[in-house]
Protein backbone atom coordinates (compact mmCIF):
# COMPACT_ATOMS: atom_id res chain seq x y z
CA MET A 1 24.00 -73.14 144.84
CA GLY A 2 25.54 -71.39 147.41
CA GLY A 3 26.67 -71.99 151.03
CA ASP A 4 26.60 -74.89 153.27
CA PHE A 5 22.96 -76.40 153.17
CA ALA A 6 22.53 -75.62 149.14
CA PRO A 7 20.35 -76.20 147.69
CA ARG A 8 17.69 -77.15 149.97
CA ALA A 9 18.39 -74.31 152.42
CA PRO A 10 18.03 -71.23 149.74
CA ILE A 11 14.88 -73.21 148.15
CA ALA A 12 13.21 -73.42 151.85
CA GLY A 13 13.66 -70.18 152.64
CA ALA A 14 12.74 -68.98 149.21
CA LEU A 15 9.21 -71.00 149.61
CA ARG A 16 8.95 -69.82 152.99
CA ALA A 17 9.46 -66.05 152.29
CA LEU A 18 6.90 -65.75 149.05
CA ASP A 19 4.94 -67.29 151.85
CA ALA A 20 4.57 -64.17 154.19
CA LEU A 21 5.22 -61.96 151.20
CA PRO A 22 2.54 -60.18 149.25
CA ALA A 23 1.56 -61.97 146.05
CA GLN A 24 3.29 -59.36 143.73
CA HIS A 25 6.18 -60.84 144.92
CA HIS A 26 8.20 -63.40 142.56
CA ILE A 27 11.30 -65.15 143.30
CA GLU A 28 13.72 -66.59 140.64
CA LEU A 29 16.36 -69.53 142.23
CA VAL A 30 19.24 -69.28 140.21
CA GLY A 31 20.94 -72.63 139.54
CA ARG A 32 21.32 -76.23 138.09
CA THR A 33 18.05 -76.79 136.54
CA ALA A 34 17.38 -80.40 137.08
CA VAL A 35 18.76 -79.78 141.00
CA ILE A 36 16.60 -77.43 141.56
CA GLU A 37 13.39 -78.78 140.34
CA ALA A 38 14.64 -82.50 142.26
CA GLU A 39 15.09 -80.28 145.27
CA LEU A 40 11.70 -78.30 145.12
CA GLY A 41 9.47 -81.41 143.98
CA ALA A 42 10.98 -83.47 146.91
CA LEU A 43 10.06 -80.27 149.69
CA LEU A 44 6.73 -79.74 148.53
CA GLY A 45 5.86 -82.92 148.57
CA GLY A 46 7.03 -83.73 151.90
CA GLU A 47 8.26 -81.04 154.88
CA LEU A 48 7.12 -77.95 153.14
CA SER A 49 4.10 -79.18 151.31
CA ALA A 50 1.87 -76.22 153.29
CA PHE A 51 3.84 -73.60 150.98
CA ALA A 52 2.61 -75.65 147.67
CA HIS A 53 0.53 -72.35 146.90
CA VAL A 54 3.67 -70.37 146.16
CA ARG A 55 4.96 -72.61 143.38
CA ASP A 56 3.98 -70.32 140.49
CA ARG A 57 5.70 -67.55 142.13
CA ILE A 58 8.80 -69.24 141.32
CA THR A 59 11.07 -69.10 138.34
CA VAL A 60 14.02 -71.77 137.90
CA VAL A 61 16.56 -69.80 135.78
CA GLU A 62 19.72 -72.39 134.48
CA ALA A 63 23.14 -71.67 135.69
CA PRO A 64 25.04 -74.75 135.15
CA ASP A 65 28.30 -73.51 136.86
CA ILE A 66 29.10 -73.30 140.52
CA ILE A 67 31.49 -70.91 142.51
CA GLU A 68 32.63 -73.10 145.16
CA MET A 69 33.54 -71.61 148.57
CA THR A 70 37.18 -72.23 147.68
CA ASP A 71 37.60 -70.70 144.56
CA ARG A 72 39.62 -67.06 144.26
CA PRO A 73 37.10 -64.60 143.75
CA SER A 74 38.14 -62.91 141.05
CA VAL A 75 39.32 -66.54 138.75
CA ALA A 76 35.84 -67.10 139.79
CA ILE A 77 33.60 -64.69 138.24
CA ARG A 78 35.92 -64.52 135.19
CA GLY A 79 36.08 -68.09 134.34
CA LYS A 80 32.69 -69.36 135.28
CA ALA A 81 30.49 -66.53 133.41
CA ASN A 82 27.63 -69.18 134.11
CA SER A 83 27.72 -69.78 137.29
CA SER A 84 24.54 -69.16 139.71
CA MET A 85 26.50 -66.14 141.34
CA VAL A 86 27.15 -64.08 137.91
CA VAL A 87 24.06 -65.31 136.08
CA GLY A 88 21.97 -63.99 139.25
CA LEU A 89 24.14 -60.88 139.35
CA LYS A 90 23.27 -59.59 135.57
CA ARG A 91 19.48 -60.25 135.81
CA VAL A 92 19.92 -57.25 138.58
CA ALA A 93 22.56 -55.33 136.71
CA ASP A 94 20.20 -56.03 133.60
CA GLY A 95 16.89 -54.76 135.14
CA HIS A 96 15.10 -58.44 135.05
CA ALA A 97 15.58 -58.81 139.05
CA ASP A 98 15.05 -56.15 141.93
CA GLY A 99 17.87 -58.14 144.05
CA PHE A 100 19.89 -60.47 144.51
CA VAL A 101 20.46 -63.44 147.84
CA SER A 102 23.12 -65.95 148.33
CA ALA A 103 24.79 -67.40 151.01
CA GLY A 104 27.86 -68.74 148.83
CA ASN A 105 30.88 -67.35 148.26
CA THR A 106 31.59 -63.73 149.55
CA GLY A 107 34.40 -62.56 148.10
CA ALA A 108 33.34 -64.25 144.95
CA GLN A 109 29.55 -61.75 145.36
CA MET A 110 31.82 -58.85 146.22
CA ALA A 111 33.68 -59.04 143.08
CA GLY A 112 30.65 -59.99 141.05
CA SER A 113 28.86 -57.04 141.86
CA LEU A 114 32.00 -54.34 141.54
CA VAL A 115 31.91 -55.93 137.73
CA HIS A 116 27.95 -56.34 137.49
CA LEU A 117 26.53 -53.65 139.63
CA ARG A 118 29.34 -51.19 139.45
CA LEU A 119 29.93 -48.81 142.44
CA HIS A 120 28.23 -45.40 142.92
CA ALA A 121 30.55 -42.28 141.74
CA GLY A 122 32.57 -41.37 144.41
CA LEU A 123 33.47 -44.55 146.04
CA THR A 124 36.29 -46.60 146.06
CA ARG A 125 34.99 -50.10 147.84
CA PRO A 126 31.86 -51.32 148.53
CA ALA A 127 31.27 -52.26 152.65
CA ILE A 128 29.26 -55.22 153.73
CA GLY A 129 26.73 -53.35 156.47
CA THR A 130 25.80 -55.59 159.28
CA LEU A 131 23.15 -54.82 162.17
CA PHE A 132 24.21 -55.49 165.55
CA PRO A 133 21.83 -56.24 168.45
CA THR A 134 21.96 -54.11 171.74
CA ALA A 135 20.17 -52.48 174.93
CA LYS A 136 18.63 -50.56 172.72
CA ALA A 137 18.11 -50.47 169.11
CA PRO A 138 20.29 -52.38 166.50
CA ILE A 139 23.09 -50.09 165.23
CA LEU A 140 24.83 -50.79 161.43
CA VAL A 141 28.28 -51.60 161.61
CA LEU A 142 30.49 -51.56 158.48
CA ASP A 143 32.70 -52.74 157.10
CA SER A 144 31.89 -56.26 158.59
CA GLY A 145 34.31 -58.27 156.09
CA ALA A 146 34.64 -56.87 152.42
CA ASN A 147 38.14 -54.78 152.70
CA VAL A 148 40.49 -56.33 155.21
CA ASP A 149 42.70 -52.67 154.99
CA CYS A 150 40.84 -49.33 154.53
CA SER A 151 42.37 -46.18 153.66
CA PRO A 152 40.77 -42.83 155.62
CA GLU A 153 39.02 -41.86 152.91
CA GLU A 154 36.92 -44.91 152.57
CA LEU A 155 36.11 -45.27 156.14
CA VAL A 156 34.68 -41.54 155.85
CA GLN A 157 32.76 -43.10 152.68
CA PHE A 158 31.55 -45.80 154.92
CA ALA A 159 30.08 -43.63 157.14
CA ARG A 160 28.65 -41.88 154.33
CA ILE A 161 26.61 -45.14 153.09
CA GLY A 162 25.66 -45.89 156.43
CA THR A 163 23.98 -42.85 157.11
CA VAL A 164 21.76 -43.55 153.89
CA TYR A 165 20.98 -46.95 154.88
CA ALA A 166 20.46 -46.23 158.56
CA ARG A 167 18.14 -43.40 157.30
CA ALA A 168 15.89 -45.40 154.67
CA LEU A 169 16.09 -48.68 156.47
CA LEU A 170 15.75 -47.89 160.27
CA GLY A 171 14.31 -45.20 160.01
CA ARG A 172 16.67 -43.20 162.03
CA ASP A 173 15.73 -39.50 161.51
CA ASN A 174 19.65 -38.05 162.08
CA PRO A 175 21.83 -40.98 162.01
CA ALA A 176 24.70 -40.99 164.80
CA VAL A 177 28.00 -42.10 163.10
CA GLY A 178 30.92 -43.71 165.91
CA LEU A 179 34.41 -44.42 164.47
CA LEU A 180 35.24 -48.23 166.02
CA SER A 181 38.64 -47.20 168.64
CA ILE A 182 40.87 -48.28 171.41
CA GLY A 183 39.61 -44.96 172.98
CA GLU A 184 37.40 -42.02 172.72
CA GLU A 185 39.90 -39.58 172.70
CA PRO A 186 40.53 -38.32 168.98
CA GLU A 187 44.59 -39.52 169.55
CA LYS A 188 43.23 -43.25 170.51
CA GLY A 189 43.69 -45.58 167.11
CA ASN A 190 46.24 -46.11 164.44
CA ALA A 191 47.35 -43.81 162.16
CA VAL A 192 44.32 -44.58 159.83
CA VAL A 193 41.70 -44.06 162.32
CA LYS A 194 43.39 -41.24 163.83
CA ASP A 195 43.30 -39.57 160.35
CA ALA A 196 39.84 -40.79 159.82
CA HIS A 197 38.47 -38.92 162.70
CA GLN A 198 39.75 -35.88 161.56
CA ARG A 199 37.99 -36.35 157.69
CA LEU A 200 34.93 -37.24 159.52
CA LEU A 201 34.50 -33.56 162.00
CA GLY A 202 34.29 -31.97 158.73
CA ALA A 203 32.63 -34.59 156.88
CA GLY A 204 28.86 -32.68 157.52
CA LEU A 205 27.75 -36.18 159.31
CA ASN A 206 26.00 -36.69 163.03
CA PHE A 207 29.56 -37.69 164.34
CA LEU A 208 30.37 -39.02 167.92
CA GLY A 209 33.35 -39.20 167.57
CA ASN A 210 35.51 -42.63 168.48
CA VAL A 211 33.55 -45.07 170.27
CA GLU A 212 35.21 -48.33 172.00
CA GLY A 213 33.86 -52.41 171.77
CA ARG A 214 31.79 -51.40 175.02
CA ASP A 215 29.92 -49.60 173.44
CA LEU A 216 28.28 -51.78 170.61
CA PRO A 217 26.23 -54.19 173.06
CA ALA A 218 25.34 -51.13 174.77
CA GLY A 219 23.95 -49.07 172.02
CA ALA A 220 25.18 -46.29 173.11
CA CYS A 221 28.30 -44.27 174.36
CA ASP A 222 28.76 -41.13 177.02
CA ARG A 223 28.18 -39.00 174.46
CA GLY A 224 24.28 -40.30 172.74
CA ASP A 225 22.93 -43.36 171.24
CA ILE A 226 24.87 -44.98 168.46
CA ASP A 227 22.88 -45.86 164.92
CA VAL A 228 26.30 -46.05 162.84
CA VAL A 229 29.62 -47.86 163.40
CA VAL A 230 32.81 -47.59 161.30
CA CYS A 231 35.77 -49.72 160.89
CA ASP A 232 38.08 -52.05 158.60
CA GLY A 233 36.69 -55.18 157.49
CA PHE A 234 39.21 -56.26 159.06
CA THR A 235 38.13 -55.66 162.78
CA GLY A 236 34.18 -55.56 161.40
CA ASN A 237 34.63 -59.33 160.83
CA ILE A 238 36.25 -60.35 164.18
CA LEU A 239 33.39 -58.32 166.09
CA LEU A 240 30.79 -59.69 164.12
CA LYS A 241 31.77 -63.52 164.60
CA PHE A 242 32.63 -62.26 168.36
CA TYR A 243 29.28 -61.15 168.33
CA GLU A 244 27.61 -64.60 166.99
CA GLY A 245 29.48 -66.87 169.64
CA ILE A 246 28.00 -64.53 172.38
CA GLY A 247 24.09 -66.06 171.87
CA PRO A 248 24.85 -69.73 172.11
CA MET A 249 27.13 -68.86 175.00
CA LEU A 250 24.44 -67.03 177.09
CA ILE A 251 21.81 -69.09 176.39
CA GLY A 252 23.65 -72.38 177.47
CA MET A 253 24.61 -70.59 180.51
CA ILE A 254 21.61 -69.53 181.59
CA SER A 255 19.87 -72.56 180.83
CA GLN A 256 22.27 -74.35 183.22
CA VAL A 257 21.76 -71.61 185.92
CA ALA A 258 18.29 -71.49 185.41
CA GLY A 259 17.59 -75.08 184.54
CA LEU A 260 15.74 -74.09 181.91
CA ASP A 261 15.14 -75.58 178.59
CA ALA A 262 17.74 -73.88 176.12
CA ARG A 263 14.85 -73.43 173.11
CA SER A 264 12.45 -71.48 175.60
CA ILE A 265 15.76 -69.00 176.22
CA ALA A 266 16.10 -68.24 173.25
CA GLY A 267 12.83 -67.71 171.62
CA SER A 268 13.32 -64.83 174.05
CA LEU A 269 16.68 -63.84 172.85
CA THR A 270 16.05 -63.87 169.52
CA GLN A 271 18.00 -60.62 168.86
CA LEU A 272 21.06 -62.50 169.40
CA ASP A 273 20.06 -65.13 166.72
CA VAL A 274 22.49 -64.56 163.36
CA ASP A 275 19.31 -66.10 161.37
CA GLU A 276 17.19 -63.34 162.59
CA GLN A 277 18.67 -60.74 159.93
CA GLY A 278 19.42 -63.17 157.76
CA GLY A 279 22.15 -61.62 155.29
CA ALA A 280 23.58 -57.85 155.24
CA PRO A 281 23.63 -55.56 151.71
CA LEU A 282 26.70 -54.58 150.35
CA LEU A 283 26.77 -50.91 150.47
CA GLY A 284 27.93 -48.67 147.66
CA VAL A 285 27.27 -50.78 144.69
CA ARG A 286 24.34 -50.18 142.56
CA GLY A 287 21.93 -53.01 142.79
CA VAL A 288 20.81 -54.94 145.79
CA SER A 289 23.35 -57.64 146.73
CA ILE A 290 22.67 -59.36 149.67
CA ILE A 291 25.06 -61.68 151.46
CA SER A 292 23.95 -64.55 153.86
CA HIS A 293 25.99 -66.80 156.07
CA GLY A 294 27.83 -69.29 154.14
CA LYS A 295 26.04 -71.32 157.34
CA SER A 296 22.43 -70.13 156.83
CA SER A 297 19.56 -71.87 157.89
CA PRO A 298 16.40 -71.92 155.77
CA ARG A 299 15.32 -69.20 157.83
CA ALA A 300 18.23 -67.23 157.73
CA MET A 301 17.54 -67.22 154.06
CA MET A 302 13.65 -66.10 154.10
CA ASN A 303 14.86 -63.35 156.73
CA ALA A 304 17.77 -62.44 153.82
CA ILE A 305 14.99 -62.21 151.15
CA PHE A 306 13.08 -59.62 153.35
CA VAL A 307 15.99 -57.69 153.50
CA ALA A 308 16.43 -57.55 149.39
CA VAL A 309 12.64 -56.51 149.47
CA ARG A 310 13.19 -53.59 152.19
CA ALA A 311 16.50 -52.29 150.55
CA HIS A 312 14.46 -52.49 147.05
CA GLU A 313 11.41 -50.83 148.34
CA SER A 314 13.12 -48.17 150.21
CA ASP A 315 15.03 -46.73 147.05
CA MET A 316 18.48 -47.55 149.19
CA THR A 317 20.59 -47.82 146.29
CA ALA A 318 19.28 -44.66 144.30
CA GLU A 319 19.24 -42.61 147.53
CA ILE A 320 22.99 -43.77 148.25
CA GLY A 321 23.92 -42.30 144.86
CA ARG A 322 21.95 -39.14 145.86
CA ARG A 323 23.91 -38.27 149.54
CA LEU A 324 27.20 -38.97 147.55
CA ALA A 325 26.52 -37.04 144.80
CA ASP A 326 25.75 -33.66 147.68
CA SER A 327 28.90 -34.78 148.89
CA GLN A 328 32.21 -32.37 147.71
CA THR A 329 34.32 -35.24 146.73
CA PRO A 330 34.97 -39.04 147.70
CA THR A 331 37.41 -37.91 150.39
CA GLY A 332 34.64 -37.06 152.89
CA THR A 333 34.74 -33.19 152.75
CA ALA A 334 31.28 -31.59 152.92
CA ALA A 335 29.26 -30.28 150.10
């Protein structure tokens, strides 16, 4: 029930996802039953009639409350226990579902995930991990919005869980981690970044050192290719929103200069399309919780569901727990 285009976008995305996924996959639509059933009927009787064959792989789960985008996260989670957000996360926590996807209130999803899924031992906060396109392979940036302020210890934790994600979902054998700063030298950055740099040197990770903003589009720095970039959520979210604006700007500029149709150019630059990834996992909680943009389209929701499937099938959350257990302390010193 969350997002600017709910309930149509999540429902249409679910139908499209089921059409592409193997028959053993099943989706629960959590929210107001009457509203969901009416939207399903309208879509299957109209523009998405070709997807009628997947209807029997959909179950509607009643959740009468709705958390608005303007609701304070902690208040909403406590006061709206029958919301689609809380009910859906509880179903993951209770083992009735393998993952939860939402384009609703990000703060509420983070708070609900902390309450119902809980953090892995050794972590103090989760992080949103977002894939950024580059001239080479995509890189994982975390945190991209869950935590405005972070301690040096938490940045080390993000590096650990980002390394596991890069191995499990991106297939990187020995993920290289960069710490986002204003210069590559260890003494560059604010007090938190400088402290985190020293801790990462002894964390037992493939740490490249500091990386700069210009290194991200290249996917590499002068010390090698980058797989994971660590920063606080304030910096990461600004970086994410900047990236989101680059694609449309480039497409518009190229279409004007080359006299080409913008849609054909967009088709060739899908890696810059924010709908292509669809959603970002909340890393560090004991379950699959995928956070989608509030403006997510049906295609974005479909792709977010694919991210949830990959996260579950790769056993990513359990692997994060195992890797964290191998570290000596939550401050990030090597075992």
